[in-house]
Protein backbone atom coordinates (compact mmCIF):
# COMPACT_ATOMS: atom_id res chain seq x y z
CA MET A 1 11.13 -55.93 -75.88
CA ARG A 2 10.85 -54.26 -72.48
CA PHE A 3 11.67 -50.56 -72.27
CA SER A 4 14.39 -51.22 -69.69
CA ASP A 5 16.10 -53.78 -71.92
CA THR A 6 15.94 -51.54 -74.99
CA LEU A 7 17.41 -48.67 -73.01
CA LYS A 8 20.30 -50.80 -71.76
CA GLN A 9 21.05 -51.88 -75.31
CA ARG A 10 21.25 -48.28 -76.46
CA TRP A 11 23.60 -47.39 -73.61
CA GLN A 12 25.90 -50.31 -74.20
CA GLN A 13 25.83 -50.87 -77.96
CA HIS A 14 25.61 -47.23 -79.08
CA ASP A 15 27.69 -45.69 -76.28
CA THR A 16 25.30 -42.81 -75.69
CA LEU A 17 23.31 -41.32 -72.80
CA VAL A 18 21.77 -38.55 -74.91
CA CYS A 19 17.99 -38.16 -74.96
CA VAL A 20 16.67 -35.66 -77.52
CA GLY A 21 13.50 -33.86 -76.50
CA LEU A 22 11.10 -33.15 -79.36
CA ASP A 23 9.42 -29.84 -78.45
CA PRO A 24 8.25 -28.24 -81.71
CA GLU A 25 7.83 -24.47 -81.73
CA PRO A 26 6.99 -23.34 -85.28
CA SER A 27 8.16 -19.78 -84.61
CA LYS A 28 11.67 -21.19 -84.24
CA PHE A 29 11.55 -23.37 -87.36
CA PRO A 30 13.74 -22.46 -90.35
CA ALA A 31 11.97 -19.96 -92.59
CA HIS A 32 11.51 -22.43 -95.45
CA LEU A 33 9.42 -24.71 -93.20
CA ARG A 34 7.19 -22.21 -91.41
CA HIS A 35 4.45 -22.25 -94.01
CA ALA A 36 5.04 -25.70 -95.44
CA PRO A 37 2.24 -28.25 -95.27
CA ASP A 38 2.83 -30.73 -92.45
CA MET A 39 5.64 -28.54 -91.13
CA VAL A 40 5.66 -30.01 -87.60
CA PHE A 41 6.13 -33.55 -88.85
CA ALA A 42 8.69 -32.45 -91.45
CA PHE A 43 10.76 -30.63 -88.83
CA CYS A 44 10.61 -33.32 -86.15
CA ALA A 45 11.17 -36.24 -88.53
CA ALA A 46 14.22 -34.50 -89.98
CA ILE A 47 15.66 -34.05 -86.47
CA VAL A 48 14.94 -37.70 -85.64
CA ASP A 49 16.53 -39.02 -88.82
CA ALA A 50 19.62 -36.85 -88.34
CA THR A 51 20.25 -37.85 -84.70
CA ALA A 52 18.84 -41.36 -84.23
CA ASP A 53 22.21 -43.12 -84.14
CA LEU A 54 23.44 -40.69 -81.46
CA VAL A 55 20.66 -41.09 -78.90
CA CYS A 56 19.47 -43.53 -76.26
CA ALA A 57 15.88 -42.22 -76.55
CA PHE A 58 13.59 -39.58 -78.02
CA LYS A 59 11.23 -37.63 -75.76
CA PRO A 60 8.34 -35.84 -77.50
CA GLN A 61 6.53 -33.36 -75.25
CA ILE A 62 2.79 -33.83 -75.68
CA ALA A 63 1.77 -30.23 -74.86
CA HIS A 64 3.83 -28.85 -77.74
CA PHE A 65 1.84 -31.00 -80.15
CA ALA A 66 -1.55 -30.59 -78.49
CA ALA A 67 -1.29 -26.79 -78.45
CA LEU A 68 -0.83 -26.94 -82.23
CA ARG A 69 -3.77 -29.35 -82.64
CA ALA A 70 -1.14 -31.79 -83.86
CA GLU A 71 -1.84 -34.92 -81.82
CA ASP A 72 -2.19 -36.90 -85.07
CA THR A 73 1.25 -35.63 -86.04
CA LEU A 74 2.62 -36.95 -82.75
CA GLU A 75 1.12 -40.36 -83.51
CA ARG A 76 2.73 -40.37 -86.94
CA LEU A 77 6.05 -39.17 -85.58
CA ILE A 78 6.26 -41.98 -83.01
CA ALA A 79 5.25 -44.49 -85.71
CA HIS A 80 8.03 -43.05 -87.89
CA ILE A 81 10.60 -43.54 -85.12
CA HIS A 82 9.54 -47.15 -84.57
CA ALA A 83 9.54 -47.92 -88.30
CA LYS A 84 12.73 -46.13 -89.37
CA HIS A 85 14.79 -46.46 -86.19
CA PRO A 86 13.73 -49.65 -84.42
CA GLY A 87 15.41 -50.08 -81.08
CA VAL A 88 15.29 -46.38 -80.16
CA PRO A 89 12.77 -46.05 -77.32
CA VAL A 90 10.25 -43.21 -77.25
CA ILE A 91 9.32 -41.49 -73.98
CA LEU A 92 6.04 -39.59 -74.04
CA ASP A 93 6.64 -36.55 -71.85
CA ALA A 94 3.10 -36.07 -70.51
CA LYS A 95 3.48 -35.82 -66.70
CA ARG A 96 0.08 -37.42 -66.22
CA GLY A 97 -1.39 -38.20 -62.81
CA ASP A 98 -4.96 -39.06 -61.89
CA ILE A 99 -7.00 -41.82 -60.26
CA GLY A 100 -9.43 -44.58 -61.16
CA SER A 101 -10.69 -44.93 -64.69
CA THR A 102 -8.99 -41.67 -65.69
CA ALA A 103 -5.59 -43.17 -64.94
CA GLN A 104 -6.54 -46.21 -67.02
CA HIS A 105 -7.41 -43.93 -69.94
CA TYR A 106 -4.15 -42.02 -69.60
CA ALA A 107 -2.28 -45.34 -69.76
CA SER A 108 -4.23 -46.28 -72.89
CA GLU A 109 -3.47 -42.88 -74.39
CA ALA A 110 0.29 -43.27 -73.86
CA PHE A 111 0.69 -46.92 -74.77
CA GLU A 112 -2.15 -47.74 -77.15
CA ARG A 113 -2.88 -44.49 -78.96
CA TYR A 114 0.64 -43.07 -79.13
CA ARG A 115 2.48 -46.40 -78.77
CA ALA A 116 5.12 -44.85 -76.55
CA ASP A 117 7.66 -47.07 -74.82
CA ALA A 118 7.59 -45.02 -71.62
CA VAL A 119 5.75 -42.06 -70.13
CA THR A 120 6.51 -39.38 -67.55
CA LEU A 121 4.10 -39.24 -64.60
CA ASN A 122 3.39 -37.14 -61.52
CA PRO A 123 3.46 -39.41 -58.41
CA TYR A 124 1.76 -37.06 -55.97
CA LEU A 125 -1.69 -38.70 -56.12
CA GLY A 126 -0.15 -41.93 -54.85
CA ARG A 127 0.23 -45.46 -56.06
CA ASP A 128 -3.32 -46.02 -57.30
CA SER A 129 -2.81 -43.19 -59.79
CA ILE A 130 0.28 -44.95 -61.14
CA GLN A 131 -0.87 -48.57 -60.93
CA PRO A 132 -2.29 -48.85 -64.49
CA PHE A 133 1.15 -47.86 -65.77
CA LEU A 134 3.08 -50.08 -63.36
CA ASP A 135 1.02 -53.03 -64.53
CA ARG A 136 2.55 -52.70 -67.98
CA ALA A 137 5.81 -54.45 -67.21
CA ASP A 138 7.06 -53.90 -70.75
CA LYS A 139 6.68 -50.13 -70.53
CA GLY A 140 8.71 -47.49 -68.71
CA VAL A 141 7.18 -45.53 -65.82
CA ILE A 142 9.19 -42.33 -65.28
CA LEU A 143 8.17 -40.44 -62.14
CA LEU A 144 8.88 -36.84 -61.19
CA CYS A 145 11.30 -36.72 -58.27
CA ARG A 146 13.57 -33.62 -58.14
CA THR A 147 12.71 -31.49 -61.12
CA SER A 148 15.02 -28.98 -62.82
CA ASN A 149 12.81 -25.88 -62.50
CA PRO A 150 13.57 -23.29 -59.78
CA GLY A 151 10.12 -23.72 -58.18
CA GLY A 152 10.58 -27.45 -57.75
CA ALA A 153 11.86 -26.88 -54.23
CA ASP A 154 8.55 -25.35 -53.15
CA PHE A 155 7.30 -28.83 -52.29
CA GLN A 156 10.01 -31.31 -53.26
CA ALA A 157 12.47 -29.99 -50.67
CA LEU A 158 10.02 -29.90 -47.76
CA ASP A 159 11.07 -31.85 -44.68
CA CYS A 160 9.33 -35.20 -44.57
CA GLY A 161 10.34 -37.07 -41.45
CA GLY A 162 13.93 -35.88 -41.47
CA ILE A 163 14.58 -36.12 -45.22
CA PRO A 164 13.21 -34.02 -48.09
CA LEU A 165 10.06 -35.12 -49.86
CA TYR A 166 11.86 -35.86 -53.14
CA LEU A 167 13.95 -38.50 -51.37
CA ARG A 168 10.79 -40.01 -49.86
CA VAL A 169 9.45 -40.27 -53.41
CA ALA A 170 12.67 -41.92 -54.60
CA GLU A 171 12.60 -44.34 -51.67
CA LYS A 172 8.95 -45.25 -52.20
CA VAL A 173 9.39 -45.87 -55.92
CA ALA A 174 12.56 -47.92 -55.51
CA ARG A 175 11.35 -50.08 -52.62
CA GLU A 176 7.64 -50.51 -53.27
CA TRP A 177 6.61 -49.52 -56.81
CA ASN A 178 9.37 -51.06 -58.91
CA GLY A 179 8.28 -54.68 -58.73
CA HIS A 180 8.52 -55.09 -62.52
CA GLY A 181 11.81 -53.20 -62.76
CA ASN A 182 10.17 -50.68 -65.09
CA CYS A 183 10.44 -47.49 -63.03
CA ALA A 184 12.72 -44.50 -63.51
CA LEU A 185 12.90 -41.04 -61.94
CA VAL A 186 13.14 -37.47 -63.24
CA THR A 187 16.05 -35.70 -61.55
CA GLY A 188 17.16 -32.33 -62.89
CA ALA A 189 20.68 -31.54 -64.03
CA THR A 190 20.42 -28.21 -62.23
CA TRP A 191 20.65 -29.98 -58.85
CA PRO A 192 23.58 -32.40 -59.27
CA GLU A 193 24.25 -33.02 -55.57
CA GLU A 194 20.58 -33.85 -54.99
CA LEU A 195 20.72 -36.10 -58.04
CA GLY A 196 23.58 -37.90 -56.28
CA LYS A 197 21.46 -38.42 -53.19
CA VAL A 198 18.74 -39.97 -55.35
CA ARG A 199 21.30 -42.26 -57.01
CA ALA A 200 22.53 -43.41 -53.61
CA LEU A 201 18.97 -44.39 -52.64
CA VAL A 202 17.81 -46.10 -55.84
CA GLY A 203 20.87 -48.02 -56.99
CA ASP A 204 21.00 -48.58 -60.73
CA MET A 205 17.47 -47.33 -61.51
CA PRO A 206 17.47 -45.13 -64.65
CA LEU A 207 17.34 -41.38 -64.10
CA LEU A 208 15.94 -39.03 -66.73
CA VAL A 209 17.94 -35.82 -66.41
CA PRO A 210 16.51 -32.66 -68.01
CA GLY A 211 18.17 -29.28 -67.68
CA ILE A 212 21.27 -29.71 -69.86
CA GLY A 213 21.73 -27.09 -72.55
CA ALA A 214 19.30 -24.17 -72.44
CA GLN A 215 18.71 -24.58 -68.68
CA GLY A 216 22.43 -24.54 -67.93
CA GLY A 217 22.98 -27.91 -66.25
CA ASP A 218 26.62 -29.01 -65.91
CA VAL A 219 27.46 -32.27 -67.70
CA GLU A 220 30.52 -33.09 -65.60
CA ALA A 221 28.61 -32.63 -62.33
CA VAL A 222 25.70 -34.76 -63.57
CA LEU A 223 28.04 -37.61 -64.50
CA ARG A 224 30.02 -37.37 -61.28
CA HIS A 225 26.93 -37.57 -59.10
CA GLY A 226 24.54 -39.59 -61.24
CA ARG A 227 26.23 -42.30 -63.27
CA THR A 228 26.18 -45.90 -62.15
CA ALA A 229 29.31 -47.98 -61.60
CA ALA A 230 28.96 -49.15 -65.21
CA GLY A 231 28.99 -45.54 -66.42
CA THR A 232 25.35 -45.63 -67.51
CA GLY A 233 22.00 -45.21 -65.71
CA LEU A 234 21.24 -41.76 -67.14
CA LEU A 235 19.13 -40.32 -69.94
CA ILE A 236 20.57 -36.83 -70.27
CA SER A 237 17.94 -34.80 -72.06
CA SER A 238 18.44 -31.78 -74.27
CA SER A 239 15.73 -30.18 -76.40
CA ARG A 240 16.15 -26.58 -77.55
CA ALA A 241 19.95 -26.64 -77.73
CA ILE A 242 19.74 -29.48 -80.27
CA LEU A 243 16.45 -28.74 -82.05
CA TYR A 244 17.27 -25.12 -82.78
CA ALA A 245 21.04 -25.35 -83.21
CA GLY A 246 20.60 -24.22 -86.83
CA HIS A 247 18.19 -21.83 -88.50
CA GLY A 248 18.66 -22.49 -92.19
CA ALA A 249 18.13 -25.28 -94.67
CA ASP A 250 20.88 -27.26 -92.90
CA PHE A 251 19.00 -27.26 -89.56
CA ALA A 252 19.03 -31.07 -89.30
CA ALA A 253 22.79 -31.23 -89.85
CA ALA A 254 23.26 -28.55 -87.18
CA ALA A 255 21.09 -30.59 -84.80
CA ARG A 256 23.20 -33.66 -85.51
CA SER A 257 26.37 -31.71 -84.77
CA ALA A 258 24.94 -30.46 -81.46
CA ALA A 259 23.79 -33.95 -80.44
CA SER A 260 27.17 -35.42 -81.38
CA GLU A 261 28.98 -32.78 -79.37
CA LEU A 262 26.82 -33.47 -76.33
CA ARG A 263 27.32 -37.23 -76.64
CA ASP A 264 31.09 -36.79 -76.89
CA THR A 265 31.18 -34.41 -73.92
CA ILE A 266 29.18 -36.87 -71.82
CA ASN A 267 31.40 -39.76 -72.84
CA ARG A 268 34.57 -37.92 -71.85
CA TYR A 269 33.28 -37.76 -68.28
CA ARG A 270 31.65 -41.20 -68.38
CA HIS A 271 34.90 -42.97 -69.05
CA ASP A 272 37.22 -40.93 -66.82
């Protein structure tokens, strides 16, 4: 099934816009796991199993695994999600961007090696750097637009013919790159009014929204500016606030409670 179709099913049938980021940091794991064999898989799989019915997607961050020499663990984790929780899409948060054969290899890495359903990409090398991903109509192509970090404005807010560069990116993706209907944009929760400007340009295109939780994004503002007329269109991502909600043996239950609370908070504003 296409990523876009799977995502819509999660929104509609499971009534959730929550995306859980999987960013393992062993120093923050519960003490009983820190020296356990296969601790990264054990931690992440427990979080996945505890929250799968509450989410519209999981988003493992590749650098967190690669820094631990745990790329094989990432492969197994994504395979676990597909096997145990079919219908929950997996977004590989990689922010890749390159040209020629390198871009082809990055696409193979995301979709063949890791078997992700979607991948985050940097659009600033232009369409040829994204084309190998766009060609996979069944996969999601999620492009950086207006990111949640404070330094994002260094370039994204620069004037580009009367409108900021991030809106030029949104316009280009929506009008020219989205021929297969498989594109989405990253728009940070920390800039809700700018998120609204992106929504106005791109219609019902999905928006991946980091910055809720530890980064302080406001849920009500995100929903007011970013939801579609159907009350969907968003993947509201939280990582640390869910992953590390608990510090003891009940860490997975604490993560479930945090994910459930976020889902319920989002839904209160979705359905107003």
